[in-house]
Amino acid sequence: MVEPDMRIETGDAAINGRRLYYETAGTRTPVLLIHGNFGDRRHWDDQFLVFARKHKVIRYDVRGFGKSALPVEGQPYSHHQDAAALLQHLSIASAHVIGLSMGAGIAADFVLSHPDMSRSLVSVGPWVVGYDSPAVRELFDAFKRVASALQRGGTAAAVEEFVIGLLGGSVRDPSVADKLRQFGADYSFWHLCHADPGETQVSAETGKTVTLAAQRIAEIRVPTLIVTAEHDYPACVEIAALLERTVVGARKVVMPGTGHIINMERPNEFNRIVLGFLAEVDRRSQSLASTS
């Protein structure tokens, strides 16, 4: 049971020229939660206060989602640099980084760009930017159908195409599908309607072409947990296998009987697995610190 007096702090941080909404709770080792597409920080409702019993938990709305500001078309930025700047704004030197789906891609970029700020990586419904396969192209085609539905029938049509068409059989729990409809109804759909400068292959910081995460996976050196599902997207299953065989020491868990939004469909089991992993990483880190 979550403690009723758990203090939640909220704020709007001026990050790289825009405003990001965030929430924090708890103390001790920091954990950063990065949500998935067509959603916001509420993807983590079943984790936020539970994790805060043992950690200082930060969840936020990625630029263009939830209560955060929209991107500016033509103004380059990067989601992982937004995340790093948010931690700096909160005076947090390093955190466990947990990402869901789109957020898993942001998390991978984060640990590659800021290994010194990364205690561990947890990739849920795994994604890495730049990975390509027939399964990925099929998934991107599904996103195009959501964009077409938005043009034809507005937000309501796009939400149904997302929940029924894109997610389809990957959501096993009807109550979770209903929550995702609400998240989608609150989404700006900015990223489907504009050329997103956050999806460029040119660094927003240096202006130079960057090597995408899919080609740099072997550089990930932080403890890594991969959580996929029996009914996850085929593309995410492929990426889970790629991470497992490429990241030294990576551990993979396949959750049975659930789909892509793993942490919402099987929260108790998910929380047990991830909190156990974080505790193990923290114990190992403390042990190394005491012997150095």
C-alpha atoms as a PDB file:
ATOM      1  CA  MET A   1       0.000   0.000   0.000  1.00  0.00           C
ATOM      2  CA  VAL A   2       1.330   3.451  -0.936  1.00  0.00           C
ATOM      3  CA  GLU A   3       1.847   5.785   2.010  1.00  0.00           C
ATOM      4  CA  PRO A   4      -0.903   8.443   1.966  1.00  0.00           C
ATOM      5  CA  ASP A   5       1.456  11.189   3.163  1.00  0.00           C
ATOM      6  CA  MET A   6       4.012  10.692   0.395  1.00  0.00           C
ATOM      7  CA  ARG A   7       5.001  14.193  -0.646  1.00  0.00           C
ATOM      8  CA  ILE A   8       4.780  14.932  -4.373  1.00  0.00           C
ATOM      9  CA  GLU A   9       6.552  17.991  -5.749  1.00  0.00           C
ATOM     10  CA  THR A  10       5.585  19.400  -9.149  1.00  0.00           C
ATOM     11  CA  GLY A  11       7.179  22.025 -11.308  1.00  0.00           C
ATOM     12  CA  ASP A  12       7.849  23.549 -14.695  1.00  0.00           C
ATOM     13  CA  ALA A  13      11.501  23.603 -15.638  1.00  0.00           C
ATOM     14  CA  ALA A  14      12.910  25.955 -18.265  1.00  0.00           C
ATOM     15  CA  ILE A  15      14.797  23.409 -20.370  1.00  0.00           C
ATOM     16  CA  ASN A  16      16.708  24.228 -23.541  1.00  0.00           C
ATOM     17  CA  GLY A  17      14.424  27.111 -24.400  1.00  0.00           C
ATOM     18  CA  ARG A  18      11.136  25.378 -23.587  1.00  0.00           C
ATOM     19  CA  ARG A  19       9.142  24.391 -20.494  1.00  0.00           C
ATOM     20  CA  LEU A  20       8.970  20.794 -19.216  1.00  0.00           C
ATOM     21  CA  TYR A  21       6.476  19.674 -16.582  1.00  0.00           C
ATOM     22  CA  TYR A  22       7.776  17.238 -13.974  1.00  0.00           C
ATOM     23  CA  GLU A  23       6.823  15.508 -10.731  1.00  0.00           C
ATOM     24  CA  THR A  24       9.082  14.089  -8.028  1.00  0.00           C
ATOM     25  CA  ALA A  25       8.504  11.980  -4.944  1.00  0.00           C
ATOM     26  CA  GLY A  26      10.613  10.055  -2.473  1.00  0.00           C
ATOM     27  CA  THR A  27      14.245  10.175  -1.431  1.00  0.00           C
ATOM     28  CA  ARG A  28      17.453   8.147  -1.825  1.00  0.00           C
ATOM     29  CA  THR A  29      18.758   6.866  -5.165  1.00  0.00           C
ATOM     30  CA  PRO A  30      17.185   8.784  -8.089  1.00  0.00           C
ATOM     31  CA  VAL A  31      15.090   7.070 -10.760  1.00  0.00           C
ATOM     32  CA  LEU A  32      14.059   8.848 -13.975  1.00  0.00           C
ATOM     33  CA  LEU A  33      10.887   7.551 -15.681  1.00  0.00           C
ATOM     34  CA  ILE A  34      10.423   8.379 -19.400  1.00  0.00           C
ATOM     35  CA  HIS A  35       6.995   7.663 -20.886  1.00  0.00           C
ATOM     36  CA  GLY A  36       5.985   6.238 -24.245  1.00  0.00           C
ATOM     37  CA  ASN A  37       4.340   7.668 -27.357  1.00  0.00           C
ATOM     38  CA  PHE A  38       0.724   8.962 -27.373  1.00  0.00           C
ATOM     39  CA  GLY A  39       0.961   9.311 -23.605  1.00  0.00           C
ATOM     40  CA  ASP A  40       2.585  11.261 -20.821  1.00  0.00           C
ATOM     41  CA  ARG A  41       3.906  10.832 -17.280  1.00  0.00           C
ATOM     42  CA  ARG A  42       0.692   8.919 -16.394  1.00  0.00           C
ATOM     43  CA  HIS A  43       2.094   5.866 -18.175  1.00  0.00           C
ATOM     44  CA  TRP A  44       3.899   5.425 -14.835  1.00  0.00           C
ATOM     45  CA  ASP A  45       0.940   5.822 -12.458  1.00  0.00           C
ATOM     46  CA  ASP A  46       1.424   2.276 -11.140  1.00  0.00           C
ATOM     47  CA  GLN A  47       5.142   2.850 -10.519  1.00  0.00           C
ATOM     48  CA  PHE A  48       5.571   6.469  -9.431  1.00  0.00           C
ATOM     49  CA  LEU A  49       4.665   6.300  -5.736  1.00  0.00           C
ATOM     50  CA  VAL A  50       5.523   2.624  -5.356  1.00  0.00           C
ATOM     51  CA  PHE A  51       9.078   3.250  -6.521  1.00  0.00           C
ATOM     52  CA  ALA A  52       9.203   6.391  -4.364  1.00  0.00           C
ATOM     53  CA  ARG A  53       9.144   4.216  -1.233  1.00  0.00           C
ATOM     54  CA  LYS A  54      12.755   3.298  -2.005  1.00  0.00           C
ATOM     55  CA  HIS A  55      13.941   5.974  -4.454  1.00  0.00           C
ATOM     56  CA  LYS A  56      13.704   9.622  -5.411  1.00  0.00           C
ATOM     57  CA  VAL A  57      11.502   9.255  -8.487  1.00  0.00           C
ATOM     58  CA  ILE A  58      11.264  11.811 -11.273  1.00  0.00           C
ATOM     59  CA  ARG A  59       8.658  11.520 -14.006  1.00  0.00           C
ATOM     60  CA  TYR A  60       8.023  14.202 -16.591  1.00  0.00           C
ATOM     61  CA  ASP A  61       6.183  14.985 -19.806  1.00  0.00           C
ATOM     62  CA  VAL A  62       8.479  14.740 -22.811  1.00  0.00           C
ATOM     63  CA  ARG A  63       8.549  17.850 -24.997  1.00  0.00           C
ATOM     64  CA  GLY A  64       5.268  18.012 -26.945  1.00  0.00           C
ATOM     65  CA  PHE A  65       3.389  15.692 -24.569  1.00  0.00           C
ATOM     66  CA  GLY A  66       1.176  16.192 -21.532  1.00  0.00           C
ATOM     67  CA  LYS A  67       1.704  19.513 -19.765  1.00  0.00           C
ATOM     68  CA  SER A  68       5.091  20.237 -21.350  1.00  0.00           C
ATOM     69  CA  ALA A  69       5.579  22.855 -24.066  1.00  0.00           C
ATOM     70  CA  LEU A  70       5.381  21.941 -27.729  1.00  0.00           C
ATOM     71  CA  PRO A  71       8.530  21.866 -29.853  1.00  0.00           C
ATOM     72  CA  VAL A  72       9.115  24.741 -32.245  1.00  0.00           C
ATOM     73  CA  GLU A  73       9.189  23.639 -35.866  1.00  0.00           C
ATOM     74  CA  GLY A  74      12.651  24.210 -37.307  1.00  0.00           C
ATOM     75  CA  GLN A  75      14.269  24.628 -33.875  1.00  0.00           C
ATOM     76  CA  PRO A  76      16.476  21.549 -33.222  1.00  0.00           C
ATOM     77  CA  TYR A  77      16.422  19.780 -29.887  1.00  0.00           C
ATOM     78  CA  SER A  78      16.883  16.271 -28.549  1.00  0.00           C
ATOM     79  CA  HIS A  79      14.745  14.436 -26.010  1.00  0.00           C
ATOM     80  CA  HIS A  80      17.699  12.885 -24.199  1.00  0.00           C
ATOM     81  CA  GLN A  81      19.380  16.275 -23.761  1.00  0.00           C
ATOM     82  CA  ASP A  82      16.084  17.591 -22.371  1.00  0.00           C
ATOM     83  CA  ALA A  83      16.171  14.737 -19.847  1.00  0.00           C
ATOM     84  CA  ALA A  84      19.762  15.493 -18.870  1.00  0.00           C
ATOM     85  CA  ALA A  85      18.977  19.182 -18.452  1.00  0.00           C
ATOM     86  CA  LEU A  86      15.988  18.315 -16.284  1.00  0.00           C
ATOM     87  CA  LEU A  87      18.165  16.264 -13.926  1.00  0.00           C
ATOM     88  CA  GLN A  88      20.660  19.126 -13.795  1.00  0.00           C
ATOM     89  CA  HIS A  89      17.802  21.530 -13.029  1.00  0.00           C
ATOM     90  CA  LEU A  90      16.880  19.282 -10.098  1.00  0.00           C
ATOM     91  CA  SER A  91      20.544  19.055  -8.966  1.00  0.00           C
ATOM     92  CA  ILE A  92      20.589  15.297  -9.569  1.00  0.00           C
ATOM     93  CA  ALA A  93      24.022  14.026 -10.556  1.00  0.00           C
ATOM     94  CA  SER A  94      22.949  10.576 -11.756  1.00  0.00           C
ATOM     95  CA  ALA A  95      19.886   8.347 -11.925  1.00  0.00           C
ATOM     96  CA  HIS A  96      18.598   4.966 -12.924  1.00  0.00           C
ATOM     97  CA  VAL A  97      16.991   5.622 -16.325  1.00  0.00           C
ATOM     98  CA  ILE A  98      13.792   3.720 -17.162  1.00  0.00           C
ATOM     99  CA  GLY A  99      12.054   4.192 -20.509  1.00  0.00           C
ATOM    100  CA  LEU A 100       8.872   2.740 -22.017  1.00  0.00           C
ATOM    101  CA  SER A 101       8.697   2.241 -25.807  1.00  0.00           C
ATOM    102  CA  MET A 102       9.518   5.685 -27.252  1.00  0.00           C
ATOM    103  CA  GLY A 103      10.902   6.473 -23.814  1.00  0.00           C
ATOM    104  CA  ALA A 104      13.149   3.413 -24.050  1.00  0.00           C
ATOM    105  CA  GLY A 105      14.714   4.965 -27.136  1.00  0.00           C
ATOM    106  CA  ILE A 106      15.231   8.236 -25.279  1.00  0.00           C
ATOM    107  CA  ALA A 107      16.712   6.320 -22.353  1.00  0.00           C
ATOM    108  CA  ALA A 108      19.186   4.506 -24.616  1.00  0.00           C
ATOM    109  CA  ASP A 109      20.266   7.828 -26.143  1.00  0.00           C
ATOM    110  CA  PHE A 110      20.621   9.240 -22.629  1.00  0.00           C
ATOM    111  CA  VAL A 111      22.931   6.523 -21.312  1.00  0.00           C
ATOM    112  CA  LEU A 112      25.043   6.679 -24.469  1.00  0.00           C
ATOM    113  CA  SER A 113      25.391  10.464 -24.289  1.00  0.00           C
ATOM    114  CA  HIS A 114      25.623  10.757 -20.493  1.00  0.00           C
ATOM    115  CA  PRO A 115      27.139   7.568 -19.053  1.00  0.00           C
ATOM    116  CA  ASP A 116      28.361   9.540 -16.043  1.00  0.00           C
ATOM    117  CA  MET A 117      24.752  10.501 -15.223  1.00  0.00           C
ATOM    118  CA  SER A 118      23.434   6.946 -15.678  1.00  0.00           C
ATOM    119  CA  ARG A 119      23.285   4.419 -12.853  1.00  0.00           C
ATOM    120  CA  SER A 120      21.500   1.825 -14.976  1.00  0.00           C
ATOM    121  CA  LEU A 121      19.237   1.394 -18.000  1.00  0.00           C
ATOM    122  CA  VAL A 122      15.837  -0.318 -17.945  1.00  0.00           C
ATOM    123  CA  SER A 123      14.406  -0.671 -21.461  1.00  0.00           C
ATOM    124  CA  VAL A 124      10.682  -1.542 -21.368  1.00  0.00           C
ATOM    125  CA  GLY A 125       8.987  -2.500 -24.632  1.00  0.00           C
ATOM    126  CA  PRO A 126      12.491  -1.891 -25.952  1.00  0.00           C
ATOM    127  CA  TRP A 127      13.419   0.659 -28.588  1.00  0.00           C
ATOM    128  CA  VAL A 128      16.617   2.161 -29.969  1.00  0.00           C
ATOM    129  CA  VAL A 129      16.718   4.972 -32.487  1.00  0.00           C
ATOM    130  CA  GLY A 130      18.011   3.957 -35.918  1.00  0.00           C
ATOM    131  CA  TYR A 131      17.163   0.250 -35.825  1.00  0.00           C
ATOM    132  CA  ASP A 132      15.639  -0.956 -39.091  1.00  0.00           C
ATOM    133  CA  SER A 133      13.938  -4.176 -40.184  1.00  0.00           C
ATOM    134  CA  PRO A 134      10.740  -5.229 -41.977  1.00  0.00           C
ATOM    135  CA  ALA A 135       9.026  -5.353 -38.563  1.00  0.00           C
ATOM    136  CA  VAL A 136      10.083  -1.754 -37.834  1.00  0.00           C
ATOM    137  CA  ARG A 137       8.832  -0.556 -41.210  1.00  0.00           C
ATOM    138  CA  GLU A 138       5.515  -2.316 -40.589  1.00  0.00           C
ATOM    139  CA  LEU A 139       5.214  -0.493 -37.259  1.00  0.00           C
ATOM    140  CA  PHE A 140       6.007   2.852 -38.888  1.00  0.00           C
ATOM    141  CA  ASP A 141       3.309   2.151 -41.488  1.00  0.00           C
ATOM    142  CA  ALA A 142       0.862   1.726 -38.601  1.00  0.00           C
ATOM    143  CA  PHE A 143       1.866   5.163 -37.302  1.00  0.00           C
ATOM    144  CA  LYS A 144       1.139   6.575 -40.760  1.00  0.00           C
ATOM    145  CA  ARG A 145      -2.371   5.133 -40.521  1.00  0.00           C
ATOM    146  CA  VAL A 146      -2.824   6.965 -37.212  1.00  0.00           C
ATOM    147  CA  ALA A 147      -1.759  10.212 -38.922  1.00  0.00           C
ATOM    148  CA  SER A 148      -4.236   9.552 -41.758  1.00  0.00           C
ATOM    149  CA  ALA A 149      -7.014   8.908 -39.242  1.00  0.00           C
ATOM    150  CA  LEU A 150      -6.177  12.217 -37.549  1.00  0.00           C
ATOM    151  CA  GLN A 151      -6.551  14.072 -40.846  1.00  0.00           C
ATOM    152  CA  ARG A 152      -9.818  12.300 -41.663  1.00  0.00           C
ATOM    153  CA  GLY A 153     -11.584  12.254 -38.345  1.00  0.00           C
ATOM    154  CA  GLY A 154      -9.650  14.297 -35.809  1.00  0.00           C
ATOM    155  CA  THR A 155      -8.368  13.263 -32.411  1.00  0.00           C
ATOM    156  CA  ALA A 156     -11.090  10.697 -31.666  1.00  0.00           C
ATOM    157  CA  ALA A 157     -10.398   8.795 -34.884  1.00  0.00           C
ATOM    158  CA  ALA A 158      -6.640   8.932 -34.338  1.00  0.00           C
ATOM    159  CA  VAL A 159      -6.986   7.616 -30.777  1.00  0.00           C
ATOM    160  CA  GLU A 160      -9.064   4.649 -31.945  1.00  0.00           C
ATOM    161  CA  GLU A 161      -6.620   3.889 -34.735  1.00  0.00           C
ATOM    162  CA  PHE A 162      -3.818   3.975 -32.186  1.00  0.00           C
ATOM    163  CA  VAL A 163      -5.516   1.786 -29.575  1.00  0.00           C
ATOM    164  CA  ILE A 164      -7.240  -0.664 -31.922  1.00  0.00           C
ATOM    165  CA  GLY A 165      -5.123  -0.470 -35.063  1.00  0.00           C
ATOM    166  CA  LEU A 166      -1.575   0.214 -33.942  1.00  0.00           C
ATOM    167  CA  LEU A 167      -1.627  -1.456 -30.534  1.00  0.00           C
ATOM    168  CA  GLY A 168      -4.231  -4.005 -31.608  1.00  0.00           C
ATOM    169  CA  GLY A 169      -3.569  -7.356 -30.000  1.00  0.00           C
ATOM    170  CA  SER A 170      -0.618  -5.937 -28.085  1.00  0.00           C
ATOM    171  CA  VAL A 171      -2.908  -4.682 -25.300  1.00  0.00           C
ATOM    172  CA  ARG A 172      -4.528  -7.609 -23.514  1.00  0.00           C
ATOM    173  CA  ASP A 173      -6.342  -5.724 -20.733  1.00  0.00           C
ATOM    174  CA  PRO A 174      -9.442  -3.670 -21.770  1.00  0.00           C
ATOM    175  CA  SER A 175      -9.070  -1.386 -18.748  1.00  0.00           C
ATOM    176  CA  VAL A 176      -5.566  -0.472 -19.912  1.00  0.00           C
ATOM    177  CA  ALA A 177      -6.902   0.231 -23.402  1.00  0.00           C
ATOM    178  CA  ASP A 178      -9.427   2.644 -21.846  1.00  0.00           C
ATOM    179  CA  LYS A 179      -6.645   4.465 -19.977  1.00  0.00           C
ATOM    180  CA  LEU A 180      -4.629   4.732 -23.181  1.00  0.00           C
ATOM    181  CA  ARG A 181      -7.649   6.265 -24.907  1.00  0.00           C
ATOM    182  CA  GLN A 182      -7.717   8.973 -22.256  1.00  0.00           C
ATOM    183  CA  PHE A 183      -3.993   9.622 -22.622  1.00  0.00           C
ATOM    184  CA  GLY A 184      -4.405   9.826 -26.393  1.00  0.00           C
ATOM    185  CA  ALA A 185      -7.352  12.207 -26.073  1.00  0.00           C
ATOM    186  CA  ASP A 186      -5.082  14.559 -24.101  1.00  0.00           C
ATOM    187  CA  TYR A 187      -2.204  14.341 -26.589  1.00  0.00           C
ATOM    188  CA  SER A 188      -1.454  17.273 -28.896  1.00  0.00           C
ATOM    189  CA  PHE A 189      -0.525  14.990 -31.839  1.00  0.00           C
ATOM    190  CA  TRP A 190       2.079  17.652 -32.647  1.00  0.00           C
ATOM    191  CA  HIS A 191       4.667  15.065 -33.617  1.00  0.00           C
ATOM    192  CA  LEU A 192       2.363  13.538 -36.226  1.00  0.00           C
ATOM    193  CA  CYS A 193       1.476  16.901 -37.765  1.00  0.00           C
ATOM    194  CA  HIS A 194       4.914  18.516 -37.994  1.00  0.00           C
ATOM    195  CA  ALA A 195       8.432  17.747 -39.105  1.00  0.00           C
ATOM    196  CA  ASP A 196       9.844  17.054 -35.663  1.00  0.00           C
ATOM    197  CA  PRO A 197      13.305  18.634 -35.260  1.00  0.00           C
ATOM    198  CA  GLY A 198      13.832  16.264 -32.341  1.00  0.00           C
ATOM    199  CA  GLU A 199      14.008  13.336 -34.772  1.00  0.00           C
ATOM    200  CA  THR A 200      16.914  14.637 -36.770  1.00  0.00           C
ATOM    201  CA  GLN A 201      20.223  12.854 -37.386  1.00  0.00           C
ATOM    202  CA  VAL A 202      22.017  16.155 -36.819  1.00  0.00           C
ATOM    203  CA  SER A 203      23.059  17.022 -33.289  1.00  0.00           C
ATOM    204  CA  ALA A 204      21.156  19.943 -31.796  1.00  0.00           C
ATOM    205  CA  GLU A 205      24.294  20.784 -29.826  1.00  0.00           C
ATOM    206  CA  THR A 206      27.060  20.587 -32.446  1.00  0.00           C
ATOM    207  CA  GLY A 207      25.233  20.736 -35.773  1.00  0.00           C
ATOM    208  CA  LYS A 208      27.133  17.627 -36.882  1.00  0.00           C
ATOM    209  CA  THR A 209      25.718  14.340 -38.143  1.00  0.00           C
ATOM    210  CA  VAL A 210      25.371  11.869 -35.281  1.00  0.00           C
ATOM    211  CA  THR A 211      25.695   8.097 -35.169  1.00  0.00           C
ATOM    212  CA  LEU A 212      22.315   6.718 -34.088  1.00  0.00           C
ATOM    213  CA  ALA A 213      21.938   4.511 -31.036  1.00  0.00           C
ATOM    214  CA  ALA A 214      21.300   1.336 -33.037  1.00  0.00           C
ATOM    215  CA  GLN A 215      24.902   1.498 -34.259  1.00  0.00           C
ATOM    216  CA  ARG A 216      26.285   2.255 -30.787  1.00  0.00           C
ATOM    217  CA  ILE A 217      24.581  -0.343 -28.601  1.00  0.00           C
ATOM    218  CA  ALA A 218      27.871  -2.056 -27.767  1.00  0.00           C
ATOM    219  CA  GLU A 219      29.005   1.203 -26.137  1.00  0.00           C
ATOM    220  CA  ILE A 220      26.378   0.866 -23.387  1.00  0.00           C
ATOM    221  CA  ARG A 221      28.319   0.065 -20.243  1.00  0.00           C
ATOM    222  CA  VAL A 222      25.791   0.603 -17.458  1.00  0.00           C
ATOM    223  CA  PRO A 223      23.878  -2.307 -15.889  1.00  0.00           C
ATOM    224  CA  THR A 224      20.985  -3.018 -18.239  1.00  0.00           C
ATOM    225  CA  LEU A 225      17.615  -4.711 -17.801  1.00  0.00           C
ATOM    226  CA  ILE A 226      15.457  -5.428 -20.845  1.00  0.00           C
ATOM    227  CA  VAL A 227      11.736  -6.039 -20.257  1.00  0.00           C
ATOM    228  CA  THR A 228       9.678  -7.297 -23.173  1.00  0.00           C
ATOM    229  CA  ALA A 229       6.414  -9.221 -23.403  1.00  0.00           C
ATOM    230  CA  GLU A 230       4.954 -12.347 -24.910  1.00  0.00           C
ATOM    231  CA  HIS A 231       2.714 -10.181 -27.111  1.00  0.00           C
ATOM    232  CA  ASP A 232       5.071  -7.232 -27.636  1.00  0.00           C
ATOM    233  CA  TYR A 233       5.534  -5.721 -31.100  1.00  0.00           C
ATOM    234  CA  PRO A 234       7.767  -7.927 -33.273  1.00  0.00           C
ATOM    235  CA  ALA A 235      10.091  -4.940 -33.745  1.00  0.00           C
ATOM    236  CA  CYS A 236      10.477  -4.569 -29.973  1.00  0.00           C
ATOM    237  CA  VAL A 237      11.112  -8.301 -29.588  1.00  0.00           C
ATOM    238  CA  GLU A 238      13.904  -7.958 -32.169  1.00  0.00           C
ATOM    239  CA  ILE A 239      15.390  -4.986 -30.334  1.00  0.00           C
ATOM    240  CA  ALA A 240      15.192  -6.842 -27.017  1.00  0.00           C
ATOM    241  CA  ALA A 241      17.229  -9.673 -28.554  1.00  0.00           C
ATOM    242  CA  LEU A 242      19.704  -7.182 -30.040  1.00  0.00           C
ATOM    243  CA  LEU A 243      20.234  -5.475 -26.684  1.00  0.00           C
ATOM    244  CA  GLU A 244      20.595  -8.789 -24.885  1.00  0.00           C
ATOM    245  CA  ARG A 245      23.324 -10.087 -27.184  1.00  0.00           C
ATOM    246  CA  THR A 246      25.149  -6.754 -27.627  1.00  0.00           C
ATOM    247  CA  VAL A 247      25.165  -5.036 -24.224  1.00  0.00           C
ATOM    248  CA  VAL A 248      27.691  -6.736 -21.950  1.00  0.00           C
ATOM    249  CA  GLY A 249      25.971  -8.258 -18.931  1.00  0.00           C
ATOM    250  CA  ALA A 250      22.449  -7.283 -20.046  1.00  0.00           C
ATOM    251  CA  ARG A 251      19.575  -9.233 -18.523  1.00  0.00           C
ATOM    252  CA  LYS A 252      16.308  -9.874 -20.396  1.00  0.00           C
ATOM    253  CA  VAL A 253      12.900 -10.660 -18.922  1.00  0.00           C
ATOM    254  CA  VAL A 254       9.935 -11.748 -21.074  1.00  0.00           C
ATOM    255  CA  MET A 255       6.627 -11.120 -19.324  1.00  0.00           C
ATOM    256  CA  PRO A 256       4.070 -13.821 -20.229  1.00  0.00           C
ATOM    257  CA  GLY A 257       0.456 -13.087 -21.096  1.00  0.00           C
ATOM    258  CA  THR A 258       0.880  -9.376 -21.645  1.00  0.00           C
ATOM    259  CA  GLY A 259       1.559  -6.928 -24.439  1.00  0.00           C
ATOM    260  CA  HIS A 260       3.556  -3.819 -25.214  1.00  0.00           C
ATOM    261  CA  ILE A 261       2.410  -1.605 -22.308  1.00  0.00           C
ATOM    262  CA  ILE A 262       3.882  -4.047 -19.831  1.00  0.00           C
ATOM    263  CA  ASN A 263       4.082  -1.851 -16.748  1.00  0.00           C
ATOM    264  CA  MET A 264       0.383  -0.947 -16.948  1.00  0.00           C
ATOM    265  CA  GLU A 265      -0.927  -4.445 -17.658  1.00  0.00           C
ATOM    266  CA  ARG A 266       1.158  -6.341 -15.088  1.00  0.00           C
ATOM    267  CA  PRO A 267       2.218  -3.630 -12.623  1.00  0.00           C
ATOM    268  CA  ASN A 268       2.813  -5.779  -9.548  1.00  0.00           C
ATOM    269  CA  GLU A 269       5.065  -8.262 -11.308  1.00  0.00           C
ATOM    270  CA  PHE A 270       6.772  -5.493 -13.259  1.00  0.00           C
ATOM    271  CA  ASN A 271       7.451  -3.494 -10.105  1.00  0.00           C
ATOM    272  CA  ARG A 272       8.898  -6.506  -8.311  1.00  0.00           C
ATOM    273  CA  ILE A 273      11.275  -7.289 -11.182  1.00  0.00           C
ATOM    274  CA  VAL A 274      12.471  -3.730 -11.737  1.00  0.00           C
ATOM    275  CA  LEU A 275      12.793  -2.771  -8.077  1.00  0.00           C
ATOM    276  CA  GLY A 276      14.773  -5.964  -7.496  1.00  0.00           C
ATOM    277  CA  PHE A 277      17.121  -5.036 -10.334  1.00  0.00           C
ATOM    278  CA  LEU A 278      17.586  -1.479  -9.045  1.00  0.00           C
ATOM    279  CA  ALA A 279      18.301  -2.750  -5.533  1.00  0.00           C
ATOM    280  CA  GLU A 280      20.900  -5.158  -6.889  1.00  0.00           C
ATOM    281  CA  VAL A 281      22.613  -2.398  -8.876  1.00  0.00           C
ATOM    282  CA  ASP A 282      22.633  -0.096  -5.851  1.00  0.00           C
ATOM    283  CA  ARG A 283      24.073  -2.804  -3.575  1.00  0.00           C
ATOM    284  CA  ARG A 284      26.828  -3.528  -6.076  1.00  0.00           C
ATOM    285  CA  SER A 285      27.602   0.174  -6.414  1.00  0.00           C
ATOM    286  CA  GLN A 286      27.768   0.652  -2.644  1.00  0.00           C
ATOM    287  CA  SER A 287      30.009  -2.378  -2.306  1.00  0.00           C
ATOM    288  CA  LEU A 288      32.409  -1.066  -4.915  1.00  0.00           C
ATOM    289  CA  ALA A 289      32.435   2.371  -3.289  1.00  0.00           C
ATOM    290  CA  SER A 290      33.254   0.898   0.115  1.00  0.00           C
ATOM    291  CA  THR A 291      36.242  -1.043  -1.223  1.00  0.00           C
ATOM    292  CA  SER A 292      37.707   1.743  -3.354  1.00  0.00           C
END
